Amino acid sequence: MRRLDPDEAAAVIAGATPIPSARPPRVLRASIAGRDPSGSPVECALTEGRWLVIFSSTTCDGCSQLAGLVADGTPGVAVLGAMREPESGLPDDAVSAFTAMGGRWVLGDAPFAALGVHAAPFFCVLEHGTVVLEGIPLGRAHVEAHVAGTLSGRPLPDAVWLTPDP
């Protein structure tokens, strides 16, 4: 690997296009359709109010805490649990056991596609259909702290970007 000399580096920088530091908000479509744990069609509108969408899986060791959060809810937001539909279809014993505590659930690929989520565990906080915070949950308390920070107008970043010393 060869280092650029100062003139080559200046030419590269002069032709570079800056990447904007602020991402535009991602707007969710009006509703997400899928199936409930029993296999019945279900549709959920997320464009009104505040929502916490928790993506989980029956094969995720830490996701049982998240299923409890879907069942119990958290103040200030409506909570929706999302999972992929099992290959064997619904109803499914593992899904039924996982969601037995209750709460609102939608299964299928649509919730993942709508929010650009590739795999569980993951969570998104939305206000009127716009994603305001997202991340990988490190347990129930972690998600609840993020929701509280968002509701107070101070979303908590999971990573702090440090600038080099001058």
Protein backbone atom coordinates (compact mmCIF):
# COMPACT_ATOMS: atom_id res chain seq x y z
CA MET A 1 0.00 0.00 0.00
CA ARG A 2 1.37 3.37 -1.03
CA ARG A 3 0.74 6.68 0.76
CA LEU A 4 -0.44 9.63 -1.29
CA ASP A 5 1.84 12.62 -1.54
CA PRO A 6 0.35 15.98 -0.42
CA ASP A 7 -0.63 17.02 -3.98
CA GLU A 8 -2.39 13.69 -4.66
CA ALA A 9 -4.20 13.89 -1.32
CA ALA A 10 -5.32 17.47 -2.03
CA ALA A 11 -6.68 16.38 -5.45
CA VAL A 12 -8.65 13.52 -3.87
CA ILE A 13 -10.10 15.78 -1.18
CA ALA A 14 -10.99 18.50 -3.74
CA GLY A 15 -13.04 15.97 -5.72
CA ALA A 16 -14.76 14.38 -2.71
CA THR A 17 -18.42 14.87 -1.94
CA PRO A 18 -19.16 15.26 1.78
CA ILE A 19 -21.52 12.79 3.41
CA PRO A 20 -24.26 14.63 5.28
CA SER A 21 -24.03 14.10 9.02
CA ALA A 22 -27.79 14.26 9.62
CA ARG A 23 -29.80 11.43 8.13
CA PRO A 24 -33.25 12.39 6.87
CA PRO A 25 -36.07 10.90 8.94
CA ARG A 26 -37.38 7.56 7.71
CA VAL A 27 -41.12 7.62 7.31
CA LEU A 28 -43.05 4.43 7.80
CA ARG A 29 -45.88 3.51 5.51
CA ALA A 30 -49.35 3.95 6.97
CA SER A 31 -49.70 0.40 8.28
CA ILE A 32 -47.99 -2.94 8.68
CA ALA A 33 -49.86 -6.10 7.83
CA GLY A 34 -49.04 -9.64 8.86
CA ARG A 35 -50.46 -12.38 11.03
CA ASP A 36 -51.07 -12.62 14.74
CA PRO A 37 -49.61 -15.61 16.64
CA SER A 38 -52.70 -17.70 15.89
CA GLY A 39 -52.31 -17.13 12.15
CA SER A 40 -55.17 -14.63 11.68
CA PRO A 41 -54.55 -11.59 9.49
CA VAL A 42 -53.73 -8.42 11.42
CA GLU A 43 -52.91 -4.87 10.45
CA CYS A 44 -51.42 -2.18 12.66
CA ALA A 45 -51.27 1.56 11.88
CA LEU A 46 -48.16 3.17 13.33
CA THR A 47 -48.57 6.68 11.99
CA GLU A 48 -50.60 8.01 14.92
CA GLY A 49 -48.90 8.70 18.22
CA ARG A 50 -45.74 7.17 19.61
CA TRP A 51 -44.77 3.53 19.14
CA LEU A 52 -42.10 1.15 20.30
CA VAL A 53 -41.62 -1.74 17.88
CA ILE A 54 -39.62 -4.63 19.28
CA PHE A 55 -38.24 -7.18 16.83
CA SER A 56 -37.59 -10.51 18.49
CA SER A 57 -37.18 -14.20 17.78
CA THR A 58 -38.08 -17.43 19.54
CA THR A 59 -34.45 -18.54 19.09
CA CYS A 60 -32.92 -15.43 20.71
CA ASP A 61 -31.73 -16.10 24.27
CA GLY A 62 -32.39 -12.58 25.54
CA CYS A 63 -35.65 -11.99 23.66
CA SER A 64 -37.90 -13.40 26.40
CA GLN A 65 -37.35 -10.14 28.35
CA LEU A 66 -38.45 -8.26 25.26
CA ALA A 67 -41.59 -10.41 24.95
CA GLY A 68 -42.41 -9.37 28.53
CA LEU A 69 -42.04 -5.73 27.53
CA VAL A 70 -44.45 -6.26 24.64
CA ALA A 71 -46.95 -7.81 27.07
CA ASP A 72 -46.51 -5.23 29.87
CA GLY A 73 -46.05 -2.13 27.73
CA THR A 74 -44.15 0.96 28.79
CA PRO A 75 -45.52 4.42 29.64
CA GLY A 76 -45.92 6.95 26.86
CA VAL A 77 -45.82 4.63 23.86
CA ALA A 78 -47.87 1.88 22.29
CA VAL A 79 -45.82 -1.31 22.03
CA LEU A 80 -45.81 -3.74 19.14
CA GLY A 81 -43.87 -7.01 18.97
CA ALA A 82 -42.68 -8.20 15.56
CA MET A 83 -41.31 -11.58 14.53
CA ARG A 84 -40.79 -13.46 11.32
CA GLU A 85 -43.32 -16.16 10.58
CA PRO A 86 -41.92 -19.67 11.13
CA GLU A 87 -41.31 -21.79 8.02
CA SER A 88 -43.84 -24.34 9.30
CA GLY A 89 -46.55 -21.63 9.30
CA LEU A 90 -48.94 -20.55 12.00
CA PRO A 91 -50.10 -21.49 14.55
CA ASP A 92 -46.74 -22.68 15.88
CA ASP A 93 -46.02 -24.08 19.36
CA ALA A 94 -42.79 -22.11 19.83
CA VAL A 95 -44.45 -18.84 18.77
CA SER A 96 -47.49 -19.52 20.97
CA ALA A 97 -45.28 -20.17 24.00
CA PHE A 98 -43.14 -17.10 23.29
CA THR A 99 -46.12 -14.74 22.96
CA ALA A 100 -48.24 -16.34 25.70
CA MET A 101 -47.78 -13.36 28.04
CA GLY A 102 -49.84 -11.28 25.62
CA GLY A 103 -49.41 -7.94 23.96
CA ARG A 104 -49.86 -6.89 20.35
CA TRP A 105 -47.86 -8.97 17.85
CA VAL A 106 -47.50 -8.97 14.07
CA LEU A 107 -45.61 -11.76 12.35
CA GLY A 108 -44.19 -11.80 8.85
CA ASP A 109 -41.65 -10.01 6.70
CA ALA A 110 -43.65 -6.75 6.36
CA PRO A 111 -42.59 -5.17 9.70
CA PHE A 112 -38.93 -5.93 8.96
CA ALA A 113 -39.18 -4.50 5.44
CA ALA A 114 -41.14 -1.42 6.54
CA LEU A 115 -38.47 -0.38 9.04
CA GLY A 116 -35.40 -1.71 7.22
CA VAL A 117 -34.64 -4.24 9.94
CA HIS A 118 -32.66 -7.30 8.88
CA ALA A 119 -32.72 -9.44 12.00
CA ALA A 120 -33.82 -9.63 15.62
CA PRO A 121 -33.20 -8.45 18.25
CA PHE A 122 -33.80 -4.81 17.30
CA PHE A 123 -36.06 -1.96 18.37
CA CYS A 124 -37.42 1.25 16.86
CA VAL A 125 -39.11 4.21 18.53
CA LEU A 126 -41.45 6.07 16.21
CA GLU A 127 -43.36 9.33 16.48
CA HIS A 128 -46.24 9.70 14.04
CA GLY A 129 -44.69 7.16 11.68
CA THR A 130 -41.17 8.59 11.72
CA VAL A 131 -38.30 6.60 13.21
CA VAL A 132 -36.67 8.78 15.87
CA LEU A 133 -34.45 6.16 17.50
CA GLU A 134 -33.41 2.61 16.77
CA GLY A 135 -30.91 0.12 18.04
CA ILE A 136 -30.02 -3.30 19.32
CA PRO A 137 -31.67 -3.96 22.69
CA LEU A 138 -29.42 -4.96 25.55
CA GLY A 139 -32.33 -6.04 27.72
CA ARG A 140 -35.59 -4.57 28.88
CA ALA A 141 -34.10 -1.78 31.02
CA HIS A 142 -31.96 -0.64 28.08
CA VAL A 143 -35.02 -0.24 25.84
CA GLU A 144 -37.05 1.47 28.57
CA ALA A 145 -34.23 3.99 29.14
CA HIS A 146 -34.18 4.80 25.42
CA VAL A 147 -37.96 5.27 25.37
CA ALA A 148 -37.80 7.56 28.41
CA GLY A 149 -35.00 9.61 26.84
CA THR A 150 -36.94 9.96 23.60
CA LEU A 151 -40.13 11.01 25.40
CA SER A 152 -38.22 13.67 27.32
CA GLY A 153 -36.81 15.05 24.06
CA ARG A 154 -33.31 13.72 24.72
CA PRO A 155 -32.80 10.50 22.77
CA LEU A 156 -29.81 8.64 24.21
CA PRO A 157 -27.16 7.62 21.70
CA ASP A 158 -25.65 4.17 22.14
CA ALA A 159 -22.33 5.33 20.74
CA VAL A 160 -20.57 8.62 21.37
CA TRP A 161 -18.48 9.77 18.44
CA LEU A 162 -15.20 11.20 19.67
CA THR A 163 -13.20 13.78 17.74
CA PRO A 164 -9.42 13.60 17.73
CA ASP A 165 -7.50 16.07 19.86
CA PRO A 166 -6.28 19.14 17.93
